[in-house]
């Protein structure tokens, strides 16, 4: 049985238009700190990334940031993270975030968030990991992706035996409990 010690959060370097996105990021950060779960994230201090990381830190939690050199200024690297790694490129960033995490949460975000999420879904689909992936469907943000995945399944591009395994919650307060249950169901 796997235990949940760290969660990688993928999310936007912008805040988006709906204040509920930032509120969810802050609440998630507070919850991670309260539960003693380390945040693994992209290392920036802006947008939802900054909101979740600063909330973890403000609540006394632990943060591991992983940021490529070329994004240190653009995403305003969060110097107060406990563990801050500067990588040469995005590939190394994503690999290290994967290695440091027991599970993944996708908050709302842009194409980068989507790319990181889809890579984890693909790796799981191909049997490269057994770490749970959760979509935080804040105000229906991930509904279009769910519809697309359902369509791919109906068109048999996602075939039996190669299902895309993820969980989705509408309320961020449910995320950690759902991931904890999911981790407990996976072998060590």
N, C-alpha and C. Protein backbone atom coordinates (compact mmCIF):
# COMPACT_ATOMS: atom_id res chain seq x y z
N UNK A 1 0.83 -1.17 0.00
CA UNK A 1 0.00 0.00 0.00
C UNK A 1 0.89 1.25 0.00
N UNK A 2 0.68 2.11 -0.98
CA UNK A 2 1.45 3.35 -1.07
C UNK A 2 0.89 4.40 -0.12
N UNK A 3 1.78 5.20 0.44
CA UNK A 3 1.34 6.32 1.26
C UNK A 3 1.54 7.61 0.48
N UNK A 4 0.78 8.60 0.84
CA UNK A 4 0.77 9.88 0.13
C UNK A 4 1.61 10.88 0.93
N UNK A 5 2.84 11.10 0.48
CA UNK A 5 3.74 12.02 1.15
C UNK A 5 3.97 13.30 0.36
N UNK A 6 3.76 13.23 -0.96
CA UNK A 6 3.98 14.41 -1.81
C UNK A 6 3.00 14.38 -2.98
N UNK A 7 2.55 15.57 -3.35
CA UNK A 7 1.64 15.71 -4.49
C UNK A 7 2.22 16.76 -5.43
N UNK A 8 2.31 16.40 -6.70
CA UNK A 8 2.70 17.35 -7.74
C UNK A 8 1.43 18.05 -8.22
N UNK A 9 1.46 19.39 -8.21
CA UNK A 9 0.33 20.17 -8.68
C UNK A 9 0.73 20.88 -9.96
N UNK A 10 -0.01 20.60 -11.01
CA UNK A 10 0.13 21.31 -12.28
C UNK A 10 -0.94 22.38 -12.31
N UNK A 11 -0.56 23.60 -12.67
CA UNK A 11 -1.53 24.69 -12.73
C UNK A 11 -0.95 25.87 -13.49
N UNK A 12 -1.79 26.86 -13.71
CA UNK A 12 -1.40 28.00 -14.52
C UNK A 12 -0.43 28.95 -13.83
N UNK A 13 0.40 29.58 -14.65
CA UNK A 13 1.25 30.67 -14.17
C UNK A 13 0.48 31.98 -14.23
N UNK A 14 -0.78 31.90 -14.64
CA UNK A 14 -1.72 33.01 -14.57
C UNK A 14 -2.83 32.61 -13.61
N UNK A 15 -3.64 33.59 -13.22
CA UNK A 15 -4.72 33.31 -12.26
C UNK A 15 -6.03 32.95 -12.94
N UNK A 16 -6.17 33.21 -14.24
CA UNK A 16 -7.43 32.96 -14.92
C UNK A 16 -8.46 34.04 -14.61
N UNK A 17 -9.63 33.91 -15.18
CA UNK A 17 -10.66 34.94 -15.03
C UNK A 17 -11.62 34.68 -13.88
N UNK A 18 -11.68 33.46 -13.40
CA UNK A 18 -12.63 33.10 -12.36
C UNK A 18 -11.92 33.10 -11.00
N UNK A 19 -12.34 33.95 -10.06
CA UNK A 19 -11.69 33.98 -8.73
C UNK A 19 -11.73 32.63 -8.01
N UNK A 20 -12.63 31.75 -8.41
CA UNK A 20 -12.71 30.42 -7.78
C UNK A 20 -11.44 29.61 -8.02
N UNK A 21 -10.73 29.87 -9.12
CA UNK A 21 -9.50 29.12 -9.41
C UNK A 21 -8.43 29.43 -8.36
N UNK A 22 -8.22 30.70 -8.09
CA UNK A 22 -7.21 31.07 -7.11
C UNK A 22 -7.63 30.66 -5.70
N UNK A 23 -8.91 30.78 -5.41
CA UNK A 23 -9.41 30.35 -4.09
C UNK A 23 -9.15 28.85 -3.90
N UNK A 24 -9.37 28.06 -4.93
CA UNK A 24 -9.13 26.61 -4.85
C UNK A 24 -7.64 26.33 -4.67
N UNK A 25 -6.79 27.08 -5.38
CA UNK A 25 -5.34 26.88 -5.25
C UNK A 25 -4.89 27.18 -3.82
N UNK A 26 -5.40 28.25 -3.25
CA UNK A 26 -5.04 28.63 -1.88
C UNK A 26 -5.53 27.58 -0.86
N UNK A 27 -6.76 27.14 -1.05
CA UNK A 27 -7.33 26.13 -0.16
C UNK A 27 -6.55 24.81 -0.27
N UNK A 28 -6.18 24.43 -1.47
CA UNK A 28 -5.37 23.22 -1.66
C UNK A 28 -4.03 23.36 -0.94
N UNK A 29 -3.39 24.51 -1.08
CA UNK A 29 -2.12 24.74 -0.41
C UNK A 29 -2.23 24.61 1.10
N UNK A 30 -3.26 25.21 1.67
CA UNK A 30 -3.48 25.12 3.12
C UNK A 30 -3.71 23.67 3.53
N UNK A 31 -4.49 22.95 2.73
CA UNK A 31 -4.79 21.54 3.04
C UNK A 31 -3.54 20.67 2.98
N UNK A 32 -2.70 20.90 1.98
CA UNK A 32 -1.46 20.14 1.87
C UNK A 32 -0.61 20.33 3.13
N UNK A 33 -0.47 21.59 3.56
CA UNK A 33 0.31 21.88 4.76
C UNK A 33 -0.30 21.21 5.99
N UNK A 34 -1.60 21.33 6.15
CA UNK A 34 -2.28 20.74 7.31
C UNK A 34 -2.14 19.22 7.35
N UNK A 35 -2.13 18.60 6.18
CA UNK A 35 -2.03 17.13 6.10
C UNK A 35 -0.58 16.64 6.11
N UNK A 36 0.39 17.56 6.11
CA UNK A 36 1.80 17.17 6.11
C UNK A 36 2.25 16.57 4.80
N UNK A 37 1.64 17.00 3.71
CA UNK A 37 1.99 16.51 2.37
C UNK A 37 2.80 17.57 1.65
N UNK A 38 3.96 17.18 1.15
CA UNK A 38 4.84 18.11 0.44
C UNK A 38 4.25 18.47 -0.93
N UNK A 39 4.30 19.75 -1.26
CA UNK A 39 3.94 20.22 -2.60
C UNK A 39 5.14 20.12 -3.51
N UNK A 40 4.96 19.51 -4.65
CA UNK A 40 5.93 19.51 -5.74
C UNK A 40 5.27 20.30 -6.86
N UNK A 41 5.97 21.32 -7.37
CA UNK A 41 5.33 22.15 -8.39
C UNK A 41 6.40 22.84 -9.23
N UNK A 42 5.99 23.68 -10.16
CA UNK A 42 6.87 24.28 -11.15
C UNK A 42 7.79 25.39 -10.72
N UNK A 43 7.80 25.78 -9.44
CA UNK A 43 8.82 26.70 -8.94
C UNK A 43 8.55 28.18 -9.06
N UNK A 44 7.42 28.58 -9.66
CA UNK A 44 7.14 30.00 -9.85
C UNK A 44 6.35 30.60 -8.70
N UNK A 45 6.29 31.95 -8.69
CA UNK A 45 5.57 32.66 -7.63
C UNK A 45 4.37 33.43 -8.17
N UNK A 46 4.03 33.24 -9.44
CA UNK A 46 2.93 33.99 -10.05
C UNK A 46 1.75 33.06 -10.35
N UNK A 47 0.58 33.67 -10.51
CA UNK A 47 -0.62 32.93 -10.90
C UNK A 47 -1.02 31.89 -9.88
N UNK A 48 -1.66 30.82 -10.37
CA UNK A 48 -2.09 29.75 -9.49
C UNK A 48 -0.90 29.02 -8.87
N UNK A 49 0.22 28.96 -9.62
CA UNK A 49 1.43 28.34 -9.06
C UNK A 49 1.84 29.05 -7.78
N UNK A 50 1.91 30.36 -7.84
CA UNK A 50 2.28 31.14 -6.67
C UNK A 50 1.27 31.02 -5.55
N UNK A 51 -0.01 31.00 -5.91
CA UNK A 51 -1.06 30.92 -4.90
C UNK A 51 -0.97 29.62 -4.11
N UNK A 52 -0.81 28.50 -4.79
CA UNK A 52 -0.75 27.22 -4.07
C UNK A 52 0.54 27.12 -3.25
N UNK A 53 1.68 27.50 -3.82
CA UNK A 53 2.96 27.38 -3.12
C UNK A 53 3.02 28.31 -1.91
N UNK A 54 2.63 29.55 -2.08
CA UNK A 54 2.66 30.49 -0.96
C UNK A 54 1.70 30.08 0.14
N UNK A 55 0.57 29.50 -0.23
CA UNK A 55 -0.38 29.03 0.78
C UNK A 55 0.19 27.87 1.59
N UNK A 56 0.89 26.97 0.92
CA UNK A 56 1.55 25.88 1.64
C UNK A 56 2.57 26.46 2.63
N UNK A 57 3.41 27.35 2.14
CA UNK A 57 4.46 27.92 2.99
C UNK A 57 3.87 28.73 4.14
N UNK A 58 2.86 29.55 3.85
CA UNK A 58 2.24 30.38 4.89
C UNK A 58 1.60 29.53 5.99
N UNK A 59 1.19 28.30 5.64
CA UNK A 59 0.56 27.40 6.61
C UNK A 59 1.58 26.45 7.26
N UNK A 60 2.87 26.67 6.97
CA UNK A 60 3.91 25.87 7.61
C UNK A 60 4.26 24.58 6.91
N UNK A 61 3.83 24.41 5.66
CA UNK A 61 4.10 23.19 4.92
C UNK A 61 5.40 23.22 4.15
N UNK A 62 5.70 22.11 3.47
CA UNK A 62 6.94 21.93 2.72
C UNK A 62 6.69 22.05 1.21
N UNK A 63 7.62 22.72 0.53
CA UNK A 63 7.47 22.97 -0.91
C UNK A 63 8.76 22.61 -1.65
N UNK A 64 8.61 21.82 -2.72
CA UNK A 64 9.70 21.55 -3.66
C UNK A 64 9.34 22.19 -4.99
N UNK A 65 10.15 23.13 -5.41
CA UNK A 65 9.93 23.78 -6.70
C UNK A 65 10.96 23.32 -7.71
N UNK A 66 10.53 23.12 -8.94
CA UNK A 66 11.44 22.69 -10.01
C UNK A 66 11.18 23.62 -11.21
N UNK A 67 12.18 24.41 -11.56
CA UNK A 67 11.99 25.42 -12.59
C UNK A 67 13.18 25.42 -13.55
N UNK A 68 12.92 25.50 -14.86
CA UNK A 68 14.05 25.59 -15.79
C UNK A 68 14.66 26.98 -15.75
N UNK A 69 15.93 27.04 -16.02
CA UNK A 69 16.68 28.30 -16.02
C UNK A 69 15.97 29.40 -16.81
N UNK A 70 15.46 29.07 -17.99
CA UNK A 70 14.88 30.09 -18.85
C UNK A 70 13.55 30.65 -18.35
N UNK A 71 12.96 30.01 -17.32
CA UNK A 71 11.69 30.51 -16.76
C UNK A 71 11.86 31.19 -15.40
N UNK A 72 13.09 31.27 -14.89
CA UNK A 72 13.31 31.86 -13.56
C UNK A 72 12.74 33.27 -13.45
N UNK A 73 12.91 34.08 -14.48
CA UNK A 73 12.40 35.46 -14.45
C UNK A 73 10.94 35.52 -14.89
N UNK A 74 10.61 34.79 -15.93
CA UNK A 74 9.24 34.83 -16.48
C UNK A 74 8.20 34.36 -15.47
N UNK A 75 8.49 33.28 -14.76
CA UNK A 75 7.57 32.74 -13.76
C UNK A 75 7.93 33.20 -12.34
N UNK A 76 8.89 34.09 -12.23
CA UNK A 76 9.35 34.69 -10.97
C UNK A 76 9.58 33.60 -9.92
N UNK A 77 10.74 32.97 -10.04
CA UNK A 77 11.11 31.85 -9.18
C UNK A 77 10.84 32.17 -7.70
N UNK A 78 10.24 31.22 -7.01
CA UNK A 78 9.89 31.38 -5.59
C UNK A 78 11.09 30.96 -4.73
N UNK A 79 11.88 31.94 -4.32
CA UNK A 79 13.11 31.68 -3.58
C UNK A 79 12.89 31.05 -2.21
N UNK A 80 11.69 31.23 -1.63
CA UNK A 80 11.49 30.73 -0.27
C UNK A 80 11.05 29.27 -0.21
N UNK A 81 10.97 28.60 -1.36
CA UNK A 81 10.68 27.16 -1.36
C UNK A 81 11.79 26.44 -0.61
N UNK A 82 11.45 25.36 0.10
CA UNK A 82 12.43 24.60 0.88
C UNK A 82 13.46 23.91 0.00
N UNK A 83 12.98 23.42 -1.10
CA UNK A 83 13.81 22.63 -2.01
C UNK A 83 13.55 23.23 -3.40
N UNK A 84 14.51 23.95 -3.94
CA UNK A 84 14.34 24.61 -5.23
C UNK A 84 15.41 24.12 -6.18
N UNK A 85 14.98 23.50 -7.27
CA UNK A 85 15.91 22.95 -8.25
C UNK A 85 15.74 23.72 -9.55
N UNK A 86 16.86 24.20 -10.09
CA UNK A 86 16.86 24.87 -11.39
C UNK A 86 17.41 23.87 -12.40
N UNK A 87 16.60 23.59 -13.43
CA UNK A 87 16.98 22.60 -14.44
C UNK A 87 17.44 23.29 -15.73
N UNK A 88 18.02 22.49 -16.61
CA UNK A 88 18.46 23.00 -17.90
C UNK A 88 17.30 23.18 -18.87
N UNK A 89 16.27 22.33 -18.74
CA UNK A 89 15.18 22.38 -19.71
C UNK A 89 13.88 21.82 -19.13
N UNK A 90 12.82 21.88 -19.93
CA UNK A 90 11.50 21.41 -19.49
C UNK A 90 11.47 19.90 -19.28
N UNK A 91 12.20 19.16 -20.08
CA UNK A 91 12.20 17.70 -19.94
C UNK A 91 12.73 17.28 -18.57
N UNK A 92 13.83 17.89 -18.16
CA UNK A 92 14.40 17.58 -16.84
C UNK A 92 13.44 18.03 -15.74
N UNK A 93 12.82 19.19 -15.91
CA UNK A 93 11.84 19.69 -14.93
C UNK A 93 10.72 18.67 -14.72
N UNK A 94 10.12 18.22 -15.82
CA UNK A 94 8.99 17.29 -15.74
C UNK A 94 9.41 15.95 -15.14
N UNK A 95 10.59 15.47 -15.49
CA UNK A 95 11.08 14.20 -14.97
C UNK A 95 11.27 14.29 -13.45
N UNK A 96 11.89 15.36 -12.98
CA UNK A 96 12.12 15.51 -11.55
C UNK A 96 10.81 15.68 -10.78
N UNK A 97 9.88 16.43 -11.33
CA UNK A 97 8.58 16.59 -10.67
C UNK A 97 7.89 15.23 -10.57
N UNK A 98 7.96 14.45 -11.63
CA UNK A 98 7.38 13.11 -11.62
C UNK A 98 8.02 12.25 -10.53
N UNK A 99 9.35 12.25 -10.47
CA UNK A 99 10.08 11.40 -9.52
C UNK A 99 9.78 11.79 -8.07
N UNK A 100 9.57 13.06 -7.80
CA UNK A 100 9.37 13.54 -6.43
C UNK A 100 7.93 13.36 -5.94
N UNK A 101 7.00 13.02 -6.82
CA UNK A 101 5.58 13.00 -6.47
C UNK A 101 5.03 11.59 -6.30
N UNK A 102 4.09 11.48 -5.36
CA UNK A 102 3.33 10.23 -5.18
C UNK A 102 2.01 10.26 -5.93
N UNK A 103 1.56 11.47 -6.31
CA UNK A 103 0.28 11.66 -7.01
C UNK A 103 0.31 13.02 -7.68
N UNK A 104 -0.70 13.26 -8.53
CA UNK A 104 -0.75 14.49 -9.31
C UNK A 104 -2.14 15.12 -9.25
N UNK A 105 -2.16 16.44 -9.16
CA UNK A 105 -3.40 17.20 -9.25
C UNK A 105 -3.24 18.24 -10.34
N UNK A 106 -4.23 18.33 -11.21
CA UNK A 106 -4.26 19.39 -12.22
C UNK A 106 -5.33 20.40 -11.84
N UNK A 107 -4.90 21.57 -11.44
CA UNK A 107 -5.78 22.72 -11.26
C UNK A 107 -5.98 23.36 -12.64
N UNK A 108 -6.85 24.33 -12.77
CA UNK A 108 -6.97 25.02 -14.06
C UNK A 108 -5.62 25.60 -14.51
N UNK A 109 -5.44 25.65 -15.80
CA UNK A 109 -4.20 26.19 -16.37
C UNK A 109 -4.28 26.21 -17.88
N UNK A 110 -3.18 26.53 -18.49
CA UNK A 110 -3.11 26.66 -19.94
C UNK A 110 -2.53 25.43 -20.61
N UNK A 111 -1.93 25.66 -21.75
CA UNK A 111 -1.42 24.56 -22.59
C UNK A 111 -0.29 23.80 -21.88
N UNK A 112 0.53 24.49 -21.07
CA UNK A 112 1.59 23.82 -20.33
C UNK A 112 1.03 22.87 -19.29
N UNK A 113 0.00 23.32 -18.58
CA UNK A 113 -0.67 22.47 -17.59
C UNK A 113 -1.28 21.25 -18.28
N UNK A 114 -1.94 21.50 -19.40
CA UNK A 114 -2.55 20.40 -20.16
C UNK A 114 -1.49 19.41 -20.63
N UNK A 115 -0.37 19.91 -21.12
CA UNK A 115 0.69 19.04 -21.62
C UNK A 115 1.26 18.16 -20.51
N UNK A 116 1.49 18.76 -19.34
CA UNK A 116 2.03 17.99 -18.21
C UNK A 116 1.02 16.94 -17.75
N UNK A 117 -0.24 17.32 -17.67
CA UNK A 117 -1.30 16.40 -17.27
C UNK A 117 -1.41 15.24 -18.25
N UNK A 118 -1.46 15.54 -19.53
CA UNK A 118 -1.63 14.49 -20.54
C UNK A 118 -0.43 13.55 -20.55
N UNK A 119 0.76 14.08 -20.30
CA UNK A 119 1.93 13.20 -20.24
C UNK A 119 1.78 12.19 -19.09
N UNK A 120 1.33 12.63 -17.93
CA UNK A 120 1.15 11.71 -16.80
C UNK A 120 0.05 10.70 -17.10
N UNK A 121 -1.04 11.13 -17.75
CA UNK A 121 -2.11 10.21 -18.14
C UNK A 121 -1.59 9.17 -19.13
N UNK A 122 -0.78 9.61 -20.08
CA UNK A 122 -0.23 8.71 -21.09
C UNK A 122 0.72 7.70 -20.46
N UNK A 123 1.59 8.17 -19.60
CA UNK A 123 2.54 7.26 -18.94
C UNK A 123 1.79 6.21 -18.13
N UNK A 124 0.74 6.62 -17.44
CA UNK A 124 -0.06 5.66 -16.67
C UNK A 124 -0.76 4.68 -17.61
N UNK A 125 -1.31 5.19 -18.70
CA UNK A 125 -2.00 4.35 -19.68
C UNK A 125 -1.06 3.27 -20.23
N UNK A 126 0.21 3.62 -20.41
CA UNK A 126 1.19 2.70 -20.98
C UNK A 126 1.91 1.87 -19.91
N UNK A 127 1.45 1.98 -18.66
CA UNK A 127 2.00 1.17 -17.59
C UNK A 127 3.34 1.65 -17.05
N UNK A 128 3.69 2.92 -17.29
CA UNK A 128 4.97 3.43 -16.83
C UNK A 128 4.94 3.93 -15.39
N UNK A 129 3.76 4.11 -14.83
CA UNK A 129 3.64 4.44 -13.42
C UNK A 129 2.26 4.06 -12.91
N UNK A 130 2.15 3.95 -11.59
CA UNK A 130 0.88 3.71 -10.92
C UNK A 130 0.71 4.78 -9.84
N UNK A 131 0.67 6.02 -10.28
CA UNK A 131 0.46 7.15 -9.38
C UNK A 131 -0.86 7.78 -9.79
N UNK A 132 -1.73 8.07 -8.84
CA UNK A 132 -3.04 8.62 -9.21
C UNK A 132 -2.95 10.04 -9.76
N UNK A 133 -3.85 10.32 -10.69
CA UNK A 133 -3.95 11.63 -11.33
C UNK A 133 -5.37 12.16 -11.09
N UNK A 134 -5.45 13.37 -10.56
CA UNK A 134 -6.73 13.97 -10.23
C UNK A 134 -6.91 15.29 -10.96
N UNK A 135 -8.07 15.46 -11.57
CA UNK A 135 -8.43 16.72 -12.20
C UNK A 135 -9.32 17.49 -11.24
N UNK A 136 -8.88 18.67 -10.83
CA UNK A 136 -9.66 19.54 -9.96
C UNK A 136 -10.57 20.36 -10.88
N UNK A 137 -11.78 19.90 -11.01
CA UNK A 137 -12.74 20.44 -11.98
C UNK A 137 -13.46 21.68 -11.43
N UNK A 138 -12.69 22.69 -11.11
CA UNK A 138 -13.21 23.90 -10.50
C UNK A 138 -14.14 24.62 -11.49
N UNK A 139 -15.39 24.76 -11.09
CA UNK A 139 -16.42 25.38 -11.94
C UNK A 139 -16.46 24.79 -13.35
N UNK A 140 -16.24 23.47 -13.44
CA UNK A 140 -16.36 22.77 -14.72
C UNK A 140 -15.18 22.95 -15.66
N UNK A 141 -14.03 23.44 -15.14
CA UNK A 141 -12.90 23.74 -16.02
C UNK A 141 -12.46 22.57 -16.89
N UNK A 142 -12.43 21.36 -16.34
CA UNK A 142 -11.92 20.20 -17.09
C UNK A 142 -13.01 19.44 -17.85
N UNK A 143 -14.24 19.90 -17.84
CA UNK A 143 -15.32 19.22 -18.58
C UNK A 143 -15.00 19.02 -20.06
N UNK A 144 -14.44 20.02 -20.77
CA UNK A 144 -14.12 19.79 -22.19
C UNK A 144 -13.12 18.65 -22.40
N UNK A 145 -12.15 18.52 -21.50
CA UNK A 145 -11.20 17.41 -21.63
C UNK A 145 -11.89 16.08 -21.37
N UNK A 146 -12.75 16.02 -20.37
CA UNK A 146 -13.50 14.79 -20.09
C UNK A 146 -14.32 14.39 -21.30
N UNK A 147 -14.98 15.35 -21.93
CA UNK A 147 -15.77 15.07 -23.14
C UNK A 147 -14.88 14.53 -24.26
N UNK A 148 -13.70 15.13 -24.42
CA UNK A 148 -12.78 14.67 -25.46
C UNK A 148 -12.32 13.24 -25.18
N UNK A 149 -11.96 12.94 -23.93
CA UNK A 149 -11.54 11.58 -23.58
C UNK A 149 -12.67 10.58 -23.80
N UNK A 150 -13.90 10.96 -23.44
CA UNK A 150 -15.06 10.10 -23.69
C UNK A 150 -15.23 9.85 -25.19
N UNK A 151 -15.06 10.89 -25.99
CA UNK A 151 -15.17 10.78 -27.45
C UNK A 151 -14.09 9.84 -28.00
N UNK A 152 -12.87 9.98 -27.51
CA UNK A 152 -11.78 9.10 -27.95
C UNK A 152 -12.09 7.65 -27.62
N UNK A 153 -12.70 7.42 -26.45
CA UNK A 153 -13.09 6.07 -26.04
C UNK A 153 -14.17 5.54 -26.97
N UNK A 154 -15.19 6.36 -27.24
CA UNK A 154 -16.29 5.95 -28.13
C UNK A 154 -15.79 5.63 -29.53
N UNK A 155 -14.79 6.36 -29.99
CA UNK A 155 -14.23 6.14 -31.34
C UNK A 155 -13.14 5.06 -31.34
N UNK A 156 -12.93 4.43 -30.19
CA UNK A 156 -11.99 3.34 -29.99
C UNK A 156 -10.53 3.71 -30.25
N UNK A 157 -10.20 5.01 -29.97
CA UNK A 157 -8.79 5.39 -29.96
C UNK A 157 -8.21 5.18 -28.57
N UNK A 158 -9.05 5.14 -27.59
CA UNK A 158 -8.68 4.65 -26.27
C UNK A 158 -9.36 3.29 -26.16
N UNK A 159 -8.56 2.24 -26.36
CA UNK A 159 -9.09 0.89 -26.45
C UNK A 159 -9.12 0.19 -25.10
N UNK A 160 -9.92 -0.85 -25.06
CA UNK A 160 -10.01 -1.68 -23.86
C UNK A 160 -8.62 -2.18 -23.50
N UNK A 161 -8.30 -2.11 -22.21
CA UNK A 161 -6.97 -2.51 -21.76
C UNK A 161 -5.97 -1.36 -21.77
N UNK A 162 -6.34 -0.24 -22.38
CA UNK A 162 -5.48 0.95 -22.42
C UNK A 162 -6.26 2.17 -21.94
N UNK A 163 -7.08 1.96 -20.93
CA UNK A 163 -7.92 3.05 -20.47
C UNK A 163 -7.08 4.16 -19.86
N UNK A 164 -7.62 5.35 -19.86
CA UNK A 164 -6.99 6.51 -19.24
C UNK A 164 -7.57 6.62 -17.84
N UNK A 165 -6.73 6.40 -16.84
CA UNK A 165 -7.18 6.33 -15.46
C UNK A 165 -6.94 7.67 -14.77
N UNK A 166 -8.02 8.31 -14.37
CA UNK A 166 -7.94 9.54 -13.60
C UNK A 166 -9.19 9.65 -12.75
N UNK A 167 -9.12 10.52 -11.77
CA UNK A 167 -10.29 10.85 -10.96
C UNK A 167 -10.53 12.34 -11.10
N UNK A 168 -11.77 12.73 -10.90
CA UNK A 168 -12.14 14.14 -11.02
C UNK A 168 -12.98 14.53 -9.82
N UNK A 169 -12.67 15.69 -9.26
CA UNK A 169 -13.49 16.23 -8.18
C UNK A 169 -13.88 17.66 -8.53
N UNK A 170 -15.07 18.05 -8.12
CA UNK A 170 -15.53 19.42 -8.33
C UNK A 170 -15.16 20.31 -7.16
N UNK A 171 -14.96 19.72 -5.99
CA UNK A 171 -14.67 20.45 -4.77
C UNK A 171 -13.25 20.12 -4.33
N UNK A 172 -12.38 21.12 -4.31
CA UNK A 172 -10.97 20.89 -3.99
C UNK A 172 -10.77 20.30 -2.61
N UNK A 173 -11.73 20.49 -1.72
CA UNK A 173 -11.61 19.93 -0.37
C UNK A 173 -11.64 18.41 -0.38
N UNK A 174 -12.10 17.80 -1.46
CA UNK A 174 -12.14 16.33 -1.57
C UNK A 174 -10.86 15.74 -2.14
N UNK A 175 -10.00 16.55 -2.73
CA UNK A 175 -8.87 16.06 -3.53
C UNK A 175 -7.92 15.17 -2.73
N UNK A 176 -7.46 15.63 -1.59
CA UNK A 176 -6.46 14.87 -0.85
C UNK A 176 -7.02 13.53 -0.38
N UNK A 177 -8.24 13.51 0.13
CA UNK A 177 -8.85 12.25 0.56
C UNK A 177 -9.01 11.26 -0.59
N UNK A 178 -9.43 11.76 -1.74
CA UNK A 178 -9.60 10.90 -2.91
C UNK A 178 -8.25 10.33 -3.33
N UNK A 179 -7.21 11.16 -3.35
CA UNK A 179 -5.88 10.67 -3.74
C UNK A 179 -5.31 9.70 -2.70
N UNK A 180 -5.56 9.97 -1.44
CA UNK A 180 -5.10 9.06 -0.38
C UNK A 180 -5.74 7.68 -0.57
N UNK A 181 -7.05 7.64 -0.83
CA UNK A 181 -7.74 6.37 -1.07
C UNK A 181 -7.19 5.67 -2.30
N UNK A 182 -6.93 6.45 -3.35
CA UNK A 182 -6.43 5.89 -4.61
C UNK A 182 -5.03 5.30 -4.39
N UNK A 183 -4.17 6.03 -3.68
CA UNK A 183 -2.81 5.54 -3.39
C UNK A 183 -2.86 4.24 -2.61
N UNK A 184 -3.78 4.17 -1.65
CA UNK A 184 -3.88 2.97 -0.81
C UNK A 184 -4.27 1.74 -1.63
N UNK A 185 -4.90 1.96 -2.77
CA UNK A 185 -5.34 0.82 -3.59
C UNK A 185 -4.24 0.33 -4.54
N UNK A 186 -3.13 1.06 -4.65
CA UNK A 186 -2.03 0.66 -5.53
C UNK A 186 -1.00 -0.14 -4.76
N UNK A 187 -0.39 -1.13 -5.39
CA UNK A 187 0.69 -1.88 -4.73
C UNK A 187 1.92 -0.99 -4.57
N UNK A 188 2.77 -1.32 -3.60
CA UNK A 188 4.01 -0.56 -3.38
C UNK A 188 4.99 -0.76 -4.50
